[in-house]
PDB file of all heavy atoms in Angstrom:
ATOM      1  N   GLN A   1      10.011  -8.297  24.595  1.00  0.00           N
ATOM      2  CA  GLN A   1       9.767  -8.544  23.162  1.00  0.00           C
ATOM      3  C   GLN A   1       8.769  -7.565  22.692  1.00  0.00           C
ATOM      4  O   GLN A   1       7.629  -7.330  23.161  1.00  0.00           O
ATOM      5  CB  GLN A   1       9.094  -9.990  22.958  1.00  0.00           C
ATOM      6  CG  GLN A   1       8.797 -10.308  21.497  1.00  0.00           C
ATOM      7  CD  GLN A   1       8.202 -11.722  21.430  1.00  0.00           C
ATOM      8  OE1 GLN A   1       8.127 -12.431  22.426  1.00  0.00           O
ATOM      9  NE2 GLN A   1       7.740 -12.153  20.317  1.00  0.00           N
ATOM     10  N   LEU A   2       9.303  -6.790  21.642  1.00  0.00           N
ATOM     11  CA  LEU A   2       8.401  -5.695  21.125  1.00  0.00           C
ATOM     12  C   LEU A   2       7.768  -5.921  19.796  1.00  0.00           C
ATOM     13  O   LEU A   2       7.006  -5.232  19.226  1.00  0.00           O
ATOM     14  CB  LEU A   2       9.450  -4.523  20.832  1.00  0.00           C
ATOM     15  CG  LEU A   2      10.094  -3.957  22.263  1.00  0.00           C
ATOM     16  CD1 LEU A   2      10.984  -2.706  21.852  1.00  0.00           C
ATOM     17  CD2 LEU A   2       9.106  -3.506  23.166  1.00  0.00           C
ATOM     18  N   ALA A   3       8.110  -7.128  19.202  1.00  0.00           N
ATOM     19  CA  ALA A   3       7.506  -7.408  17.842  1.00  0.00           C
ATOM     20  C   ALA A   3       7.028  -8.929  17.838  1.00  0.00           C
ATOM     21  O   ALA A   3       7.419  -9.706  18.714  1.00  0.00           O
ATOM     22  CB  ALA A   3       8.567  -7.194  16.708  1.00  0.00           C
ATOM     23  N   ALA A   4       6.281  -9.215  16.885  1.00  0.00           N
ATOM     24  CA  ALA A   4       5.750 -10.595  16.691  1.00  0.00           C
ATOM     25  C   ALA A   4       6.967 -11.532  16.290  1.00  0.00           C
ATOM     26  O   ALA A   4       7.837 -11.162  15.606  1.00  0.00           O
ATOM     27  CB  ALA A   4       4.752 -10.691  15.608  1.00  0.00           C
ATOM     28  N   VAL A   5       6.952 -12.645  16.748  1.00  0.00           N
ATOM     29  CA  VAL A   5       8.076 -13.704  16.445  1.00  0.00           C
ATOM     30  C   VAL A   5       7.798 -14.293  15.093  1.00  0.00           C
ATOM     31  O   VAL A   5       6.664 -14.815  14.797  1.00  0.00           O
ATOM     32  CB  VAL A   5       7.946 -14.724  17.490  1.00  0.00           C
ATOM     33  CG1 VAL A   5       9.150 -15.836  17.190  1.00  0.00           C
ATOM     34  CG2 VAL A   5       8.284 -14.182  18.919  1.00  0.00           C
ATOM     35  N   GLY A   6       8.868 -14.331  14.253  1.00  0.00           N
ATOM     36  CA  GLY A   6       8.784 -15.031  13.064  1.00  0.00           C
ATOM     37  C   GLY A   6       8.047 -14.384  11.873  1.00  0.00           C
ATOM     38  O   GLY A   6       8.033 -14.955  10.775  1.00  0.00           O
ATOM     39  N   GLN A   7       7.312 -13.416  11.999  1.00  0.00           N
ATOM     40  CA  GLN A   7       6.606 -12.836  10.857  1.00  0.00           C
ATOM     41  C   GLN A   7       6.484 -11.306  11.002  1.00  0.00           C
ATOM     42  O   GLN A   7       6.195 -10.770  11.972  1.00  0.00           O
ATOM     43  CB  GLN A   7       5.045 -13.322  11.000  1.00  0.00           C
ATOM     44  CG  GLN A   7       4.266 -13.102   9.800  1.00  0.00           C
ATOM     45  CD  GLN A   7       2.845 -13.692   9.766  1.00  0.00           C
ATOM     46  OE1 GLN A   7       2.399 -13.909  11.020  1.00  0.00           O
ATOM     47  NE2 GLN A   7       2.248 -13.952   8.831  1.00  0.00           N
ATOM     48  N   ALA A   8       7.004 -10.756   9.861  1.00  0.00           N
ATOM     49  CA  ALA A   8       6.968  -9.197   9.791  1.00  0.00           C
ATOM     50  C   ALA A   8       5.673  -8.814   9.209  1.00  0.00           C
ATOM     51  O   ALA A   8       5.205  -9.422   8.231  1.00  0.00           O
ATOM     52  CB  ALA A   8       8.129  -8.840   8.887  1.00  0.00           C
ATOM     53  N   THR A   9       5.173  -7.701   9.704  1.00  0.00           N
ATOM     54  CA  THR A   9       3.882  -7.137   9.205  1.00  0.00           C
ATOM     55  C   THR A   9       4.239  -5.933   8.358  1.00  0.00           C
ATOM     56  O   THR A   9       4.779  -5.082   8.725  1.00  0.00           O
ATOM     57  CB  THR A   9       3.079  -6.701  10.362  1.00  0.00           C
ATOM     58  OG1 THR A   9       2.886  -7.795  11.254  1.00  0.00           O
ATOM     59  CG2 THR A   9       1.647  -6.073   9.839  1.00  0.00           C
ATOM     60  N   ILE A  10       3.965  -6.124   7.043  1.00  0.00           N
ATOM     61  CA  ILE A  10       4.261  -5.046   6.120  1.00  0.00           C
ATOM     62  C   ILE A  10       2.962  -4.463   5.688  1.00  0.00           C
ATOM     63  O   ILE A  10       1.930  -5.101   5.278  1.00  0.00           O
ATOM     64  CB  ILE A  10       4.953  -5.613   4.888  1.00  0.00           C
ATOM     65  CG1 ILE A  10       6.271  -6.352   5.271  1.00  0.00           C
ATOM     66  CG2 ILE A  10       5.134  -4.570   3.780  1.00  0.00           C
ATOM     67  CD1 ILE A  10       6.939  -7.126   4.160  1.00  0.00           C
ATOM     68  N   ALA A  11       2.856  -3.130   5.728  1.00  0.00           N
ATOM     69  CA  ALA A  11       1.709  -2.355   5.364  1.00  0.00           C
ATOM     70  C   ALA A  11       1.617  -2.426   3.783  1.00  0.00           C
ATOM     71  O   ALA A  11       2.531  -2.265   3.145  1.00  0.00           O
ATOM     72  CB  ALA A  11       1.854  -0.899   5.851  1.00  0.00           C
ATOM     73  N   PRO A  12       0.358  -2.659   3.299  1.00  0.00           N
ATOM     74  CA  PRO A  12       0.187  -2.754   1.996  1.00  0.00           C
ATOM     75  C   PRO A  12       0.333  -1.287   1.280  1.00  0.00           C
ATOM     76  O   PRO A  12       0.074  -0.219   1.933  1.00  0.00           O
ATOM     77  CB  PRO A  12      -1.338  -3.144   1.772  1.00  0.00           C
ATOM     78  CG  PRO A  12      -1.972  -2.721   3.034  1.00  0.00           C
ATOM     79  CD  PRO A  12      -0.964  -2.807   4.151  1.00  0.00           C
ATOM     80  N   ALA A  13       0.696  -1.355   0.072  1.00  0.00           N
ATOM     81  CA  ALA A  13       0.975   0.059  -0.670  1.00  0.00           C
ATOM     82  C   ALA A  13      -0.389   0.561  -1.043  1.00  0.00           C
ATOM     83  O   ALA A  13      -1.325  -0.083  -1.463  1.00  0.00           O
ATOM     84  CB  ALA A  13       1.717  -0.212  -1.943  1.00  0.00           C
ATOM     85  N   VAL A  14      -0.510   1.948  -0.868  1.00  0.00           N
ATOM     86  CA  VAL A  14      -1.712   2.587  -1.175  1.00  0.00           C
ATOM     87  C   VAL A  14      -1.619   2.821  -2.713  1.00  0.00           C
ATOM     88  O   VAL A  14      -0.768   3.426  -3.235  1.00  0.00           O
ATOM     89  CB  VAL A  14      -1.936   3.824  -0.398  1.00  0.00           C
ATOM     90  CG1 VAL A  14      -3.146   4.539  -0.835  1.00  0.00           C
ATOM     91  CG2 VAL A  14      -1.792   3.527   1.029  1.00  0.00           C
ATOM     92  N   THR A  15      -2.740   2.400  -3.477  1.00  0.00           N
ATOM     93  CA  THR A  15      -2.691   2.615  -4.792  1.00  0.00           C
ATOM     94  C   THR A  15      -3.671   3.885  -5.065  1.00  0.00           C
ATOM     95  O   THR A  15      -4.341   4.312  -4.181  1.00  0.00           O
ATOM     96  CB  THR A  15      -3.392   1.388  -5.539  1.00  0.00           C
ATOM     97  OG1 THR A  15      -4.736   1.180  -5.063  1.00  0.00           O
ATOM     98  CG2 THR A  15      -2.542   0.222  -5.369  1.00  0.00           C
ATOM     99  N   CYS A  16      -3.790   4.201  -6.367  1.00  0.00           N
ATOM    100  CA  CYS A  16      -4.526   5.216  -6.661  1.00  0.00           C
ATOM    101  C   CYS A  16      -5.946   5.074  -6.384  1.00  0.00           C
ATOM    102  O   CYS A  16      -6.828   6.013  -6.103  1.00  0.00           O
ATOM    103  CB  CYS A  16      -4.207   5.626  -8.161  1.00  0.00           C
ATOM    104  SG  CYS A  16      -5.167   7.228  -8.675  1.00  0.00           S
ATOM    105  N   ASP A  17      -6.542   3.847  -6.542  1.00  0.00           N
ATOM    106  CA  ASP A  17      -7.865   3.467  -6.443  1.00  0.00           C
ATOM    107  C   ASP A  17      -8.322   3.694  -4.917  1.00  0.00           C
ATOM    108  O   ASP A  17      -9.444   3.917  -4.635  1.00  0.00           O
ATOM    109  CB  ASP A  17      -8.055   2.052  -6.931  1.00  0.00           C
ATOM    110  CG  ASP A  17      -7.965   1.949  -8.361  1.00  0.00           C
ATOM    111  OD1 ASP A  17      -8.088   2.954  -9.057  1.00  0.00           O
ATOM    112  OD2 ASP A  17      -7.656   0.840  -8.856  1.00  0.00           O
ATOM    113  N   ALA A  18      -7.363   3.459  -4.129  1.00  0.00           N
ATOM    114  CA  ALA A  18      -7.615   3.501  -2.659  1.00  0.00           C
ATOM    115  C   ALA A  18      -7.558   4.886  -2.072  1.00  0.00           C
ATOM    116  O   ALA A  18      -7.973   5.140  -0.896  1.00  0.00           O
ATOM    117  CB  ALA A  18      -6.765   2.564  -1.907  1.00  0.00           C
ATOM    118  N   MET A  19      -7.141   5.844  -2.748  1.00  0.00           N
ATOM    119  CA  MET A  19      -6.908   7.165  -2.317  1.00  0.00           C
ATOM    120  C   MET A  19      -8.306   7.881  -2.319  1.00  0.00           C
ATOM    121  O   MET A  19      -9.174   7.603  -3.031  1.00  0.00           O
ATOM    122  CB  MET A  19      -6.005   7.936  -3.172  1.00  0.00           C
ATOM    123  CG  MET A  19      -4.552   7.422  -3.056  1.00  0.00           C
ATOM    124  SD  MET A  19      -3.475   8.291  -4.235  1.00  0.00           S
ATOM    125  CE  MET A  19      -3.442   9.919  -3.535  1.00  0.00           C
ATOM    126  N   ILE A  20      -8.405   8.774  -1.321  1.00  0.00           N
ATOM    127  CA  ILE A  20      -9.646   9.531  -1.172  1.00  0.00           C
ATOM    128  C   ILE A  20      -9.762  10.615  -2.201  1.00  0.00           C
ATOM    129  O   ILE A  20     -10.819  10.778  -2.853  1.00  0.00           O
ATOM    130  CB  ILE A  20      -9.886  10.069   0.136  1.00  0.00           C
ATOM    131  CG1 ILE A  20      -9.885   8.981   1.207  1.00  0.00           C
ATOM    132  CG2 ILE A  20     -10.889  10.982   0.425  1.00  0.00           C
ATOM    133  CD1 ILE A  20      -9.853   9.423   2.701  1.00  0.00           C
ATOM    134  N   ALA A  21      -8.715  11.438  -2.375  1.00  0.00           N
ATOM    135  CA  ALA A  21      -8.756  12.347  -3.365  1.00  0.00           C
ATOM    136  C   ALA A  21      -8.231  11.866  -4.717  1.00  0.00           C
ATOM    137  O   ALA A  21      -7.108  11.692  -5.029  1.00  0.00           O
ATOM    138  CB  ALA A  21      -7.661  13.478  -2.873  1.00  0.00           C
ATOM    139  N   HIS A  22      -9.270  11.569  -5.615  1.00  0.00           N
ATOM    140  CA  HIS A  22      -8.873  10.909  -6.816  1.00  0.00           C
ATOM    141  C   HIS A  22      -8.345  12.073  -7.780  1.00  0.00           C
ATOM    142  O   HIS A  22      -7.859  11.704  -9.011  1.00  0.00           O
ATOM    143  CB  HIS A  22     -10.086  10.343  -7.600  1.00  0.00           C
ATOM    144  CG  HIS A  22     -10.527   9.081  -6.734  1.00  0.00           C
ATOM    145  ND1 HIS A  22      -9.753   7.967  -6.801  1.00  0.00           N
ATOM    146  CD2 HIS A  22     -11.538   8.780  -5.938  1.00  0.00           C
ATOM    147  CE1 HIS A  22     -10.280   7.056  -6.125  1.00  0.00           C
ATOM    148  NE2 HIS A  22     -11.395   7.477  -5.575  1.00  0.00           N
ATOM    149  N   ALA A  23      -8.368  13.276  -7.473  1.00  0.00           N
ATOM    150  CA  ALA A  23      -7.917  14.435  -8.376  1.00  0.00           C
ATOM    151  C   ALA A  23      -6.328  14.331  -8.593  1.00  0.00           C
ATOM    152  O   ALA A  23      -5.843  14.739  -9.611  1.00  0.00           O
ATOM    153  CB  ALA A  23      -8.258  15.735  -7.790  1.00  0.00           C
ATOM    154  N   THR A  24      -5.690  13.624  -7.586  1.00  0.00           N
ATOM    155  CA  THR A  24      -4.221  13.601  -7.763  1.00  0.00           C
ATOM    156  C   THR A  24      -3.805  12.387  -8.483  1.00  0.00           C
ATOM    157  O   THR A  24      -2.583  12.354  -8.811  1.00  0.00           O
ATOM    158  CB  THR A  24      -3.632  13.545  -6.375  1.00  0.00           C
ATOM    159  OG1 THR A  24      -4.043  12.459  -5.715  1.00  0.00           O
ATOM    160  CG2 THR A  24      -3.966  14.777  -5.564  1.00  0.00           C
TER     161      THR A  24
END
């Protein structure tokens, strides 16, 4: 078994506020 059973883990989307380089 390579993944968790019954629940998919989805990475949260990175928003502009969470970015390190705010210039972009």
